[in-house]
Amino acid sequence: MTDAENSVLDRDELLQMTVDIVSAYVSNNAIASAQIPELISTIFNSLDDLREVETVEEEEPLKPAVPIRKSIGDDYIICLEDGKKLKMLKRHLLFFLNYAKQRSQFAKKIGLGRKAK
């Protein structure tokens, strides 16, 4: 398509969006008929201004500070954003292998997990 055809399509889309917005607004709000042309103009100009705003370039996907497989240790977890070693995440305590082993040993010691005879 040429730039002129794209421009016509863009203008038609803007007009359709303007019609949709104005009709929704007028159906839900009391407005004098003399104010409708001003409302249409304001909405169309606002949409046109939004169309001209430069689009933000997509950012590159974030890369982890450390490889994902190396981010998990027996006593720590490494943050993928900044690479810091964290000893405790309250919601993920069972995730750490040593902590899970300690819980298992304690449970066995007090008799949890045995089937009743």
PDB file of N, CA and C in Angstrom:
ATOM      1  N   MET A   1       0.834  -1.180   0.000  1.00  0.00           N
ATOM      2  CA  MET A   1       0.000   0.000   0.000  1.00  0.00           C
ATOM      3  C   MET A   1       0.876   1.241   0.000  1.00  0.00           C
ATOM      4  N   THR A   2       0.356   2.270  -0.570  1.00  0.00           N
ATOM      5  CA  THR A   2       1.096   3.523  -0.583  1.00  0.00           C
ATOM      6  C   THR A   2       0.807   4.288   0.698  1.00  0.00           C
ATOM      7  N   ASP A   3       1.605   5.328   0.900  1.00  0.00           N
ATOM      8  CA  ASP A   3       1.396   6.152   2.095  1.00  0.00           C
ATOM      9  C   ASP A   3       0.035   6.827   2.073  1.00  0.00           C
ATOM     10  N   ALA A   4      -0.432   7.219   0.886  1.00  0.00           N
ATOM     11  CA  ALA A   4      -1.735   7.874   0.779  1.00  0.00           C
ATOM     12  C   ALA A   4      -2.852   6.912   1.177  1.00  0.00           C
ATOM     13  N   GLU A   5      -2.751   5.654   0.733  1.00  0.00           N
ATOM     14  CA  GLU A   5      -3.770   4.669   1.099  1.00  0.00           C
ATOM     15  C   GLU A   5      -3.746   4.387   2.596  1.00  0.00           C
ATOM     16  N   ASN A   6      -2.546   4.289   3.173  1.00  0.00           N
ATOM     17  CA  ASN A   6      -2.429   4.091   4.622  1.00  0.00           C
ATOM     18  C   ASN A   6      -3.024   5.257   5.377  1.00  0.00           C
ATOM     19  N   SER A   7      -2.788   6.469   4.862  1.00  0.00           N
ATOM     20  CA  SER A   7      -3.307   7.668   5.509  1.00  0.00           C
ATOM     21  C   SER A   7      -4.833   7.661   5.505  1.00  0.00           C
ATOM     22  N   VAL A   8      -5.425   7.245   4.373  1.00  0.00           N
ATOM     23  CA  VAL A   8      -6.884   7.187   4.274  1.00  0.00           C
ATOM     24  C   VAL A   8      -7.431   6.140   5.242  1.00  0.00           C
ATOM     25  N   LEU A   9      -6.766   4.977   5.299  1.00  0.00           N
ATOM     26  CA  LEU A   9      -7.204   3.939   6.233  1.00  0.00           C
ATOM     27  C   LEU A   9      -7.100   4.419   7.674  1.00  0.00           C
ATOM     28  N   ASP A  10      -6.004   5.073   8.001  1.00  0.00           N
ATOM     29  CA  ASP A  10      -5.839   5.588   9.357  1.00  0.00           C
ATOM     30  C   ASP A  10      -6.925   6.602   9.684  1.00  0.00           C
ATOM     31  N   ARG A  11      -7.230   7.478   8.727  1.00  0.00           N
ATOM     32  CA  ARG A  11      -8.257   8.493   8.956  1.00  0.00           C
ATOM     33  C   ARG A  11      -9.622   7.827   9.138  1.00  0.00           C
ATOM     34  N   ASP A  12      -9.910   6.810   8.325  1.00  0.00           N
ATOM     35  CA  ASP A  12     -11.182   6.097   8.463  1.00  0.00           C
ATOM     36  C   ASP A  12     -11.281   5.411   9.828  1.00  0.00           C
ATOM     37  N   GLU A  13     -10.180   4.827  10.273  1.00  0.00           N
ATOM     38  CA  GLU A  13     -10.170   4.186  11.592  1.00  0.00           C
ATOM     39  C   GLU A  13     -10.392   5.216  12.692  1.00  0.00           C
ATOM     40  N   LEU A  14      -9.739   6.376  12.558  1.00  0.00           N
ATOM     41  CA  LEU A  14      -9.922   7.439  13.550  1.00  0.00           C
ATOM     42  C   LEU A  14     -11.373   7.907  13.577  1.00  0.00           C
ATOM     43  N   LEU A  15     -11.960   8.069  12.397  1.00  0.00           N
ATOM     44  CA  LEU A  15     -13.356   8.499  12.338  1.00  0.00           C
ATOM     45  C   LEU A  15     -14.274   7.466  12.987  1.00  0.00           C
ATOM     46  N   GLN A  16     -14.024   6.196  12.727  1.00  0.00           N
ATOM     47  CA  GLN A  16     -14.861   5.141  13.315  1.00  0.00           C
ATOM     48  C   GLN A  16     -14.721   5.118  14.840  1.00  0.00           C
ATOM     49  N   MET A  17     -13.487   5.260  15.328  1.00  0.00           N
ATOM     50  CA  MET A  17     -13.285   5.300  16.780  1.00  0.00           C
ATOM     51  C   MET A  17     -13.967   6.518  17.381  1.00  0.00           C
ATOM     52  N   THR A  18     -13.885   7.657  16.683  1.00  0.00           N
ATOM     53  CA  THR A  18     -14.530   8.877  17.162  1.00  0.00           C
ATOM     54  C   THR A  18     -16.034   8.679  17.251  1.00  0.00           C
ATOM     55  N   VAL A  19     -16.617   8.087  16.214  1.00  0.00           N
ATOM     56  CA  VAL A  19     -18.062   7.828  16.205  1.00  0.00           C
ATOM     57  C   VAL A  19     -18.447   6.919  17.369  1.00  0.00           C
ATOM     58  N   ASP A  20     -17.673   5.871  17.587  1.00  0.00           N
ATOM     59  CA  ASP A  20     -17.972   4.941  18.682  1.00  0.00           C
ATOM     60  C   ASP A  20     -17.921   5.640  20.038  1.00  0.00           C
ATOM     61  N   ILE A  21     -16.885   6.445  20.241  1.00  0.00           N
ATOM     62  CA  ILE A  21     -16.720   7.133  21.529  1.00  0.00           C
ATOM     63  C   ILE A  21     -17.824   8.157  21.743  1.00  0.00           C
ATOM     64  N   VAL A  22     -18.098   8.966  20.710  1.00  0.00           N
ATOM     65  CA  VAL A  22     -19.127  10.004  20.842  1.00  0.00           C
ATOM     66  C   VAL A  22     -20.495   9.372  21.072  1.00  0.00           C
ATOM     67  N   SER A  23     -20.811   8.326  20.333  1.00  0.00           N
ATOM     68  CA  SER A  23     -22.134   7.707  20.509  1.00  0.00           C
ATOM     69  C   SER A  23     -22.273   7.100  21.906  1.00  0.00           C
ATOM     70  N   ALA A  24     -21.216   6.494  22.412  1.00  0.00           N
ATOM     71  CA  ALA A  24     -21.269   5.938  23.767  1.00  0.00           C
ATOM     72  C   ALA A  24     -21.415   7.050  24.800  1.00  0.00           C
ATOM     73  N   TYR A  25     -20.699   8.146  24.609  1.00  0.00           N
ATOM     74  CA  TYR A  25     -20.757   9.253  25.559  1.00  0.00           C
ATOM     75  C   TYR A  25     -22.142   9.898  25.559  1.00  0.00           C
ATOM     76  N   VAL A  26     -22.668  10.169  24.361  1.00  0.00           N
ATOM     77  CA  VAL A  26     -23.960  10.846  24.245  1.00  0.00           C
ATOM     78  C   VAL A  26     -25.089   9.961  24.773  1.00  0.00           C
ATOM     79  N   SER A  27     -24.973   8.656  24.590  1.00  0.00           N
ATOM     80  CA  SER A  27     -26.043   7.772  25.068  1.00  0.00           C
ATOM     81  C   SER A  27     -26.068   7.662  26.590  1.00  0.00           C
ATOM     82  N   ASN A  28     -24.951   7.973  27.249  1.00  0.00           N
ATOM     83  CA  ASN A  28     -24.890   7.848  28.707  1.00  0.00           C
ATOM     84  C   ASN A  28     -24.834   9.181  29.448  1.00  0.00           C
ATOM     85  N   ASN A  29     -24.764  10.288  28.722  1.00  0.00           N
ATOM     86  CA  ASN A  29     -24.655  11.603  29.355  1.00  0.00           C
ATOM     87  C   ASN A  29     -25.587  12.585  28.670  1.00  0.00           C
ATOM     88  N   ALA A  30     -26.103  13.522  29.462  1.00  0.00           N
ATOM     89  CA  ALA A  30     -26.942  14.576  28.900  1.00  0.00           C
ATOM     90  C   ALA A  30     -26.032  15.655  28.331  1.00  0.00           C
ATOM     91  N   ILE A  31     -26.225  15.986  27.053  1.00  0.00           N
ATOM     92  CA  ILE A  31     -25.388  16.987  26.399  1.00  0.00           C
ATOM     93  C   ILE A  31     -26.256  17.757  25.408  1.00  0.00           C
ATOM     94  N   ALA A  32     -26.033  19.054  25.347  1.00  0.00           N
ATOM     95  CA  ALA A  32     -26.792  19.892  24.418  1.00  0.00           C
ATOM     96  C   ALA A  32     -26.368  19.573  22.993  1.00  0.00           C
ATOM     97  N   SER A  33     -27.316  19.621  22.079  1.00  0.00           N
ATOM     98  CA  SER A  33     -27.005  19.286  20.686  1.00  0.00           C
ATOM     99  C   SER A  33     -26.007  20.265  20.078  1.00  0.00           C
ATOM    100  N   ALA A  34     -25.938  21.472  20.606  1.00  0.00           N
ATOM    101  CA  ALA A  34     -24.981  22.459  20.094  1.00  0.00           C
ATOM    102  C   ALA A  34     -23.547  22.098  20.483  1.00  0.00           C
ATOM    103  N   GLN A  35     -23.376  21.282  21.503  1.00  0.00           N
ATOM    104  CA  GLN A  35     -22.037  20.908  21.961  1.00  0.00           C
ATOM    105  C   GLN A  35     -21.487  19.664  21.265  1.00  0.00           C
ATOM    106  N   ILE A  36     -22.322  18.962  20.529  1.00  0.00           N
ATOM    107  CA  ILE A  36     -21.882  17.713  19.894  1.00  0.00           C
ATOM    108  C   ILE A  36     -20.767  17.936  18.869  1.00  0.00           C
ATOM    109  N   PRO A  37     -20.860  18.942  17.983  1.00  0.00           N
ATOM    110  CA  PRO A  37     -19.748  19.140  17.035  1.00  0.00           C
ATOM    111  C   PRO A  37     -18.408  19.412  17.736  1.00  0.00           C
ATOM    112  N   GLU A  38     -18.459  20.182  18.813  1.00  0.00           N
ATOM    113  CA  GLU A  38     -17.234  20.458  19.569  1.00  0.00           C
ATOM    114  C   GLU A  38     -16.693  19.171  20.206  1.00  0.00           C
ATOM    115  N   LEU A  39     -17.592  18.348  20.719  1.00  0.00           N
ATOM    116  CA  LEU A  39     -17.195  17.070  21.307  1.00  0.00           C
ATOM    117  C   LEU A  39     -16.545  16.166  20.259  1.00  0.00           C
ATOM    118  N   ILE A  40     -17.146  16.099  19.084  1.00  0.00           N
ATOM    119  CA  ILE A  40     -16.591  15.281  17.998  1.00  0.00           C
ATOM    120  C   ILE A  40     -15.202  15.766  17.625  1.00  0.00           C
ATOM    121  N   SER A  41     -15.067  17.069  17.482  1.00  0.00           N
ATOM    122  CA  SER A  41     -13.771  17.648  17.106  1.00  0.00           C
ATOM    123  C   SER A  41     -12.713  17.374  18.167  1.00  0.00           C
ATOM    124  N   THR A  42     -13.079  17.545  19.415  1.00  0.00           N
ATOM    125  CA  THR A  42     -12.130  17.324  20.511  1.00  0.00           C
ATOM    126  C   THR A  42     -11.667  15.869  20.551  1.00  0.00           C
ATOM    127  N   ILE A  43     -12.602  14.957  20.434  1.00  0.00           N
ATOM    128  CA  ILE A  43     -12.247  13.536  20.486  1.00  0.00           C
ATOM    129  C   ILE A  43     -11.410  13.138  19.283  1.00  0.00           C
ATOM    130  N   PHE A  44     -11.793  13.595  18.091  1.00  0.00           N
ATOM    131  CA  PHE A  44     -11.020  13.260  16.891  1.00  0.00           C
ATOM    132  C   PHE A  44      -9.595  13.790  16.999  1.00  0.00           C
ATOM    133  N   ASN A  45      -9.447  15.040  17.448  1.00  0.00           N
ATOM    134  CA  ASN A  45      -8.104  15.625  17.584  1.00  0.00           C
ATOM    135  C   ASN A  45      -7.278  14.886  18.634  1.00  0.00           C
ATOM    136  N   SER A  46      -7.921  14.478  19.712  1.00  0.00           N
ATOM    137  CA  SER A  46      -7.203  13.728  20.748  1.00  0.00           C
ATOM    138  C   SER A  46      -6.713  12.387  20.211  1.00  0.00           C
ATOM    139  N   LEU A  47      -7.570  11.694  19.483  1.00  0.00           N
ATOM    140  CA  LEU A  47      -7.167  10.411  18.898  1.00  0.00           C
ATOM    141  C   LEU A  47      -6.068  10.598  17.857  1.00  0.00           C
ATOM    142  N   ASP A  48      -6.172  11.670  17.088  1.00  0.00           N
ATOM    143  CA  ASP A  48      -5.150  11.950  16.074  1.00  0.00           C
ATOM    144  C   ASP A  48      -3.808  12.246  16.737  1.00  0.00           C
ATOM    145  N   ASP A  49      -3.841  12.975  17.851  1.00  0.00           N
ATOM    146  CA  ASP A  49      -2.599  13.261  18.581  1.00  0.00           C
ATOM    147  C   ASP A  49      -1.990  11.973  19.131  1.00  0.00           C
ATOM    148  N   LEU A  50      -2.826  11.081  19.626  1.00  0.00           N
ATOM    149  CA  LEU A  50      -2.327   9.808  20.148  1.00  0.00           C
ATOM    150  C   LEU A  50      -1.699   8.959  19.047  1.00  0.00           C
ATOM    151  N   ARG A  51      -2.247   9.036  17.860  1.00  0.00           N
ATOM    152  CA  ARG A  51      -1.721   8.254  16.740  1.00  0.00           C
ATOM    153  C   ARG A  51      -0.330   8.729  16.349  1.00  0.00           C
ATOM    154  N   GLU A  52      -0.086  10.026  16.507  1.00  0.00           N
ATOM    155  CA  GLU A  52       1.185  10.598  16.086  1.00  0.00           C
ATOM    156  C   GLU A  52       2.300  10.411  17.107  1.00  0.00           C
ATOM    157  N   VAL A  53       1.950   9.999  18.307  1.00  0.00           N
ATOM    158  CA  VAL A  53       2.970   9.763  19.322  1.00  0.00           C
ATOM    159  C   VAL A  53       3.847   8.611  18.852  1.00  0.00           C
ATOM    160  N   GLU A  54       5.133   8.793  18.982  1.00  0.00           N
ATOM    161  CA  GLU A  54       6.051   7.753  18.537  1.00  0.00           C
ATOM    162  C   GLU A  54       5.835   6.489  19.356  1.00  0.00           C
ATOM    163  N   THR A  55       5.900   5.380  18.675  1.00  0.00           N
ATOM    164  CA  THR A  55       5.764   4.115  19.384  1.00  0.00           C
ATOM    165  C   THR A  55       7.068   3.807  20.097  1.00  0.00           C
ATOM    166  N   VAL A  56       6.948   3.247  21.257  1.00  0.00           N
ATOM    167  CA  VAL A  56       8.120   2.892  22.048  1.00  0.00           C
ATOM    168  C   VAL A  56       8.715   1.620  21.469  1.00  0.00           C
ATOM    169  N   GLU A  57      10.011   1.644  21.279  1.00  0.00           N
ATOM    170  CA  GLU A  57      10.665   0.454  20.758  1.00  0.00           C
ATOM    171  C   GLU A  57      10.608  -0.644  21.806  1.00  0.00           C
ATOM    172  N   GLU A  58      10.423  -1.859  21.329  1.00  0.00           N
ATOM    173  CA  GLU A  58      10.375  -2.981  22.253  1.00  0.00           C
ATOM    174  C   GLU A  58      11.750  -3.199  22.849  1.00  0.00           C
ATOM    175  N   GLU A  59      11.759  -3.410  24.147  1.00  0.00           N
ATOM    176  CA  GLU A  59      13.020  -3.667  24.824  1.00  0.00           C
ATOM    177  C   GLU A  59      13.444  -5.097  24.570  1.00  0.00           C
ATOM    178  N   GLU A  60      14.744  -5.297  24.602  1.00  0.00           N
ATOM    179  CA  GLU A  60      15.252  -6.648  24.446  1.00  0.00           C
ATOM    180  C   GLU A  60      14.836  -7.464  25.665  1.00  0.00           C
ATOM    181  N   PRO A  61      14.597  -8.744  25.476  1.00  0.00           N
ATOM    182  CA  PRO A  61      14.236  -9.560  26.639  1.00  0.00           C
ATOM    183  C   PRO A  61      15.369  -9.553  27.659  1.00  0.00           C
ATOM    184  N   LEU A  62      14.989  -9.520  28.922  1.00  0.00           N
ATOM    185  CA  LEU A  62      15.989  -9.502  29.982  1.00  0.00           C
ATOM    186  C   LEU A  62      16.745 -10.818  30.023  1.00  0.00           C
ATOM    187  N   LYS A  63      18.024 -10.715  30.298  1.00  0.00           N
ATOM    188  CA  LYS A  63      18.846 -11.908  30.449  1.00  0.00           C
ATOM    189  C   LYS A  63      19.150 -12.067  31.932  1.00  0.00           C
ATOM    190  N   PRO A  64      19.059 -13.268  32.452  1.00  0.00           N
ATOM    191  CA  PRO A  64      19.330 -13.472  33.874  1.00  0.00           C
ATOM    192  C   PRO A  64      20.788 -13.178  34.205  1.00  0.00           C
ATOM    193  N   ALA A  65      21.025 -12.705  35.429  1.00  0.00           N
ATOM    194  CA  ALA A  65      22.383 -12.390  35.873  1.00  0.00           C
ATOM    195  C   ALA A  65      23.239 -13.648  35.957  1.00  0.00           C
ATOM    196  N   VAL A  66      22.616 -14.769  36.240  1.00  0.00           N
ATOM    197  CA  VAL A  66      23.309 -16.060  36.297  1.00  0.00           C
ATOM    198  C   VAL A  66      22.452 -17.071  35.538  1.00  0.00           C
ATOM    199  N   PRO A  67      23.049 -18.154  35.072  1.00  0.00           N
ATOM    200  CA  PRO A  67      22.229 -19.180  34.428  1.00  0.00           C
ATOM    201  C   PRO A  67      21.175 -19.713  35.402  1.00  0.00           C
ATOM    202  N   ILE A  68      20.021 -20.015  34.896  1.00  0.00           N
ATOM    203  CA  ILE A  68      18.905 -20.428  35.746  1.00  0.00           C
ATOM    204  C   ILE A  68      19.246 -21.665  36.566  1.00  0.00           C
ATOM    205  N   ARG A  69      19.879 -22.632  35.965  1.00  0.00           N
ATOM    206  CA  ARG A  69      20.224 -23.864  36.692  1.00  0.00           C
ATOM    207  C   ARG A  69      21.197 -23.591  37.837  1.00  0.00           C
ATOM    208  N   LYS A  70      22.055 -22.579  37.697  1.00  0.00           N
ATOM    209  CA  LYS A  70      23.025 -22.273  38.751  1.00  0.00           C
ATOM    210  C   LYS A  70      22.440 -21.357  39.821  1.00  0.00           C
ATOM    211  N   SER A  71      21.204 -20.904  39.637  1.00  0.00           N
ATOM    212  CA  SER A  71      20.615 -19.980  40.601  1.00  0.00           C
ATOM    213  C   SER A  71      20.090 -20.685  41.844  1.00  0.00           C
ATOM    214  N   ILE A  72      20.099 -22.007  41.850  1.00  0.00           N
ATOM    215  CA  ILE A  72      19.569 -22.768  42.974  1.00  0.00           C
ATOM    216  C   ILE A  72      20.707 -23.498  43.663  1.00  0.00           C
ATOM    217  N   GLY A  73      20.891 -23.213  44.944  1.00  0.00           N
ATOM    218  CA  GLY A  73      21.905 -23.901  45.738  1.00  0.00           C
ATOM    219  C   GLY A  73      21.254 -24.621  46.896  1.00  0.00           C
ATOM    220  N   ASP A  74      22.050 -25.385  47.647  1.00  0.00           N
ATOM    221  CA  ASP A  74      21.497 -26.094  48.803  1.00  0.00           C
ATOM    222  C   ASP A  74      21.029 -25.129  49.886  1.00  0.00           C
ATOM    223  N   ASP A  75      21.773 -24.050  50.102  1.00  0.00           N
ATOM    224  CA  ASP A  75      21.459 -23.117  51.184  1.00  0.00           C
ATOM    225  C   ASP A  75      21.066 -21.727  50.700  1.00  0.00           C
ATOM    226  N   TYR A  76      20.926 -21.522  49.433  1.00  0.00           N
ATOM    227  CA  TYR A  76      20.640 -20.180  48.938  1.00  0.00           C
ATOM    228  C   TYR A  76      19.978 -20.256  47.568  1.00  0.00           C
ATOM    229  N   ILE A  77      19.473 -19.124  47.166  1.00  0.00           N
ATOM    230  CA  ILE A  77      18.957 -18.952  45.815  1.00  0.00           C
ATOM    231  C   ILE A  77      19.549 -17.643  45.305  1.00  0.00           C
ATOM    232  N   ILE A  78      19.904 -17.594  44.050  1.00  0.00           N
ATOM    233  CA  ILE A  78      20.503 -16.390  43.477  1.00  0.00           C
ATOM    234  C   ILE A  78      19.426 -15.661  42.684  1.00  0.00           C
ATOM    235  N   CYS A  79      19.290 -14.369  42.955  1.00  0.00           N
ATOM    236  CA  CYS A  79      18.319 -13.538  42.255  1.00  0.00           C
ATOM    237  C   CYS A  79      18.728 -13.427  40.787  1.00  0.00           C
ATOM    238  N   LEU A  80      17.796 -13.689  39.892  1.00  0.00           N
ATOM    239  CA  LEU A  80      18.104 -13.642  38.471  1.00  0.00           C
ATOM    240  C   LEU A  80      18.243 -12.217  37.955  1.00  0.00           C
ATOM    241  N   GLU A  81      17.697 -11.240  38.668  1.00  0.00           N
ATOM    242  CA  GLU A  81      17.786  -9.859  38.222  1.00  0.00           C
ATOM    243  C   GLU A  81      19.125  -9.229  38.547  1.00  0.00           C
ATOM    244  N   ASP A  82      19.588  -9.395  39.792  1.00  0.00           N
ATOM    245  CA  ASP A  82      20.818  -8.704  40.185  1.00  0.00           C
ATOM    246  C   ASP A  82      21.946  -9.628  40.622  1.00  0.00           C
ATOM    247  N   GLY A  83      21.699 -10.923  40.695  1.00  0.00           N
ATOM    248  CA  GLY A  83      22.748 -11.877  41.025  1.00  0.00           C
ATOM    249  C   GLY A  83      23.067 -12.004  42.503  1.00  0.00           C
ATOM    250  N   LYS A  84      22.244 -11.431  43.381  1.00  0.00           N
ATOM    251  CA  LYS A  84      22.502 -11.513  44.822  1.00  0.00           C
ATOM    252  C   LYS A  84      22.099 -12.882  45.352  1.00  0.00           C
ATOM    253  N   LYS A  85      22.911 -13.387  46.287  1.00  0.00           N
ATOM    254  CA  LYS A  85      22.582 -14.654  46.945  1.00  0.00           C
ATOM    255  C   LYS A  85      21.656 -14.355  48.116  1.00  0.00           C
ATOM    256  N   LEU A  86      20.547 -15.054  48.162  1.00  0.00           N
ATOM    257  CA  LEU A  86      19.575 -14.861  49.231  1.00  0.00           C
ATOM    258  C   LEU A  86      19.484 -16.136  50.049  1.00  0.00           C
ATOM    259  N   LYS A  87      19.527 -15.982  51.364  1.00  0.00           N
ATOM    260  CA  LYS A  87      19.478 -17.137  52.260  1.00  0.00           C
ATOM    261  C   LYS A  87      18.051 -17.563  52.558  1.00  0.00           C
ATOM    262  N   MET A  88      17.111 -16.622  52.546  1.00  0.00           N
ATOM    263  CA  MET A  88      15.776 -16.989  52.979  1.00  0.00           C
ATOM    264  C   MET A  88      14.712 -16.238  52.197  1.00  0.00           C
ATOM    265  N   LEU A  89      13.829 -16.975  51.628  1.00  0.00           N
ATOM    266  CA  LEU A  89      12.614 -16.432  51.045  1.00  0.00           C
ATOM    267  C   LEU A  89      11.481 -17.130  51.779  1.00  0.00           C
ATOM    268  N   LYS A  90      10.740 -16.406  52.567  1.00  0.00           N
ATOM    269  CA  LYS A  90       9.755 -17.021  53.448  1.00  0.00           C
ATOM    270  C   LYS A  90       8.793 -17.935  52.708  1.00  0.00           C
ATOM    271  N   ARG A  91       8.396 -17.570  51.519  1.00  0.00           N
ATOM    272  CA  ARG A  91       7.426 -18.382  50.796  1.00  0.00           C
ATOM    273  C   ARG A  91       8.064 -19.588  50.121  1.00  0.00           C
ATOM    274  N   HIS A  92       9.387 -19.619  50.081  1.00  0.00           N
ATOM    275  CA  HIS A  92      10.061 -20.689  49.356  1.00  0.00           C
ATOM    276  C   HIS A  92      11.014 -21.480  50.247  1.00  0.00           C
ATOM    277  N   LEU A  93      10.756 -21.528  51.548  1.00  0.00           N
ATOM    278  CA  LEU A  93      11.663 -22.220  52.452  1.00  0.00           C
ATOM    279  C   LEU A  93      11.826 -23.692  52.107  1.00  0.00           C
ATOM    280  N   LEU A  94      10.753 -24.329  51.709  1.00  0.00           N
ATOM    281  CA  LEU A  94      10.837 -25.755  51.419  1.00  0.00           C
ATOM    282  C   LEU A  94      11.657 -26.029  50.164  1.00  0.00           C
ATOM    283  N   PHE A  95      11.976 -25.012  49.458  1.00  0.00           N
ATOM    284  CA  PHE A  95      12.718 -25.137  48.217  1.00  0.00           C
ATOM    285  C   PHE A  95      14.182 -25.488  48.465  1.00  0.00           C
ATOM    286  N   PHE A  96      14.737 -24.996  49.555  1.00  0.00           N
ATOM    287  CA  PHE A  96      16.151 -25.221  49.824  1.00  0.00           C
ATOM    288  C   PHE A  96      16.373 -26.642  50.317  1.00  0.00           C
ATOM    289  N   LEU A  97      17.311 -27.317  49.715  1.00  0.00           N
ATOM    290  CA  LEU A  97      17.521 -28.739  49.980  1.00  0.00           C
ATOM    291  C   LEU A  97      17.896 -29.017  51.429  1.00  0.00           C
ATOM    292  N   ASN A  98      18.815 -28.255  51.992  1.00  0.00           N
ATOM    293  CA  ASN A  98      19.228 -28.509  53.379  1.00  0.00           C
ATOM    294  C   ASN A  98      18.068 -28.298  54.345  1.00  0.00           C
ATOM    295  N   TYR A  99      17.265 -27.288  54.110  1.00  0.00           N
ATOM    296  CA  TYR A  99      16.127 -27.036  54.983  1.00  0.00           C
ATOM    297  C   TYR A  99      15.122 -28.182  54.877  1.00  0.00           C
ATOM    298  N   ALA A 100      14.887 -28.649  53.662  1.00  0.00           N
ATOM    299  CA  ALA A 100      13.966 -29.767  53.466  1.00  0.00           C
ATOM    300  C   ALA A 100      14.488 -31.020  54.163  1.00  0.00           C
ATOM    301  N   LYS A 101      15.798 -31.245  54.113  1.00  0.00           N
ATOM    302  CA  LYS A 101      16.388 -32.405  54.799  1.00  0.00           C
ATOM    303  C   LYS A 101      16.200 -32.293  56.305  1.00  0.00           C
ATOM    304  N   GLN A 102      16.420 -31.092  56.853  1.00  0.00           N
ATOM    305  CA  GLN A 102      16.253 -30.881  58.288  1.00  0.00           C
ATOM    306  C   GLN A 102      14.806 -31.149  58.702  1.00  0.00           C
ATOM    307  N   ARG A 103      13.860 -30.666  57.933  1.00  0.00           N
ATOM    308  CA  ARG A 103      12.443 -30.892  58.245  1.00  0.00           C
ATOM    309  C   ARG A 103      12.110 -32.371  58.199  1.00  0.00           C
ATOM    310  N   SER A 104      12.649 -33.052  57.192  1.00  0.00           N
ATOM    311  CA  SER A 104      12.393 -34.485  57.057  1.00  0.00           C
ATOM    312  C   SER A 104      12.946 -35.252  58.251  1.00  0.00           C
ATOM    313  N   GLN A 105      14.177 -34.934  58.642  1.00  0.00           N
ATOM    314  CA  GLN A 105      14.797 -35.612  59.787  1.00  0.00           C
ATOM    315  C   GLN A 105      14.013 -35.344  61.066  1.00  0.00           C
ATOM    316  N   PHE A 106      13.597 -34.110  61.263  1.00  0.00           N
ATOM    317  CA  PHE A 106      12.834 -33.761  62.455  1.00  0.00           C
ATOM    318  C   PHE A 106      11.494 -34.498  62.475  1.00  0.00           C
ATOM    319  N   ALA A 107      10.833 -34.573  61.330  1.00  0.00           N
ATOM    320  CA  ALA A 107       9.543 -35.258  61.256  1.00  0.00           C
ATOM    321  C   ALA A 107       9.700 -36.740  61.571  1.00  0.00           C
ATOM    322  N   LYS A 108      10.750 -37.349  61.042  1.00  0.00           N
ATOM    323  CA  LYS A 108      10.992 -38.769  61.327  1.00  0.00           C
ATOM    324  C   LYS A 108      11.313 -38.978  62.800  1.00  0.00           C
ATOM    325  N   LYS A 109      12.055 -38.036  63.375  1.00  0.00           N
ATOM    326  CA  LYS A 109      12.459 -38.135  64.778  1.00  0.00           C
ATOM    327  C   LYS A 109      11.246 -38.120  65.708  1.00  0.00           C
ATOM    328  N   ILE A 110      10.260 -37.303  65.411  1.00  0.00           N
ATOM    329  CA  ILE A 110       9.089 -37.220  66.289  1.00  0.00           C
ATOM    330  C   ILE A 110       7.967 -38.160  65.856  1.00  0.00           C
ATOM    331  N   GLY A 111       8.213 -38.934  64.796  1.00  0.00           N
ATOM    332  CA  GLY A 111       7.257 -39.964  64.420  1.00  0.00           C
ATOM    333  C   GLY A 111       6.201 -39.554  63.420  1.00  0.00           C
ATOM    334  N   LEU A 112       6.366 -38.459  62.759  1.00  0.00           N
ATOM    335  CA  LEU A 112       5.388 -38.064  61.744  1.00  0.00           C
ATOM    336  C   LEU A 112       5.589 -38.888  60.476  1.00  0.00           C
ATOM    337  N   GLY A 113       4.532 -39.141  59.770  1.00  0.00           N
ATOM    338  CA  GLY A 113       4.618 -39.837  58.501  1.00  0.00           C
ATOM    339  C   GLY A 113       4.571 -41.342  58.593  1.00  0.00           C
ATOM    340  N   ARG A 114       4.485 -41.887  59.799  1.00  0.00           N
ATOM    341  CA  ARG A 114       4.380 -43.342  59.954  1.00  0.00           C
ATOM    342  C   ARG A 114       2.918 -43.745  59.864  1.00  0.00           C
ATOM    343  N   LYS A 115       2.710 -44.901  59.299  1.00  0.00           N
ATOM    344  CA  LYS A 115       1.341 -45.407  59.211  1.00  0.00           C
ATOM    345  C   LYS A 115       0.942 -45.998  60.557  1.00  0.00           C
ATOM    346  N   ALA A 116      -0.290 -45.753  60.946  1.00  0.00           N
ATOM    347  CA  ALA A 116      -0.805 -46.285  62.221  1.00  0.00           C
ATOM    348  C   ALA A 116      -0.956 -47.793  62.127  1.00  0.00           C
ATOM    349  N   LYS A 117      -0.625 -48.489  63.230  1.00  0.00           N
ATOM    350  CA  LYS A 117      -0.725 -49.955  63.252  1.00  0.00           C
ATOM    351  C   LYS A 117      -2.010 -50.392  63.854  1.00  0.00           C
TER     352      LYS A 117
END
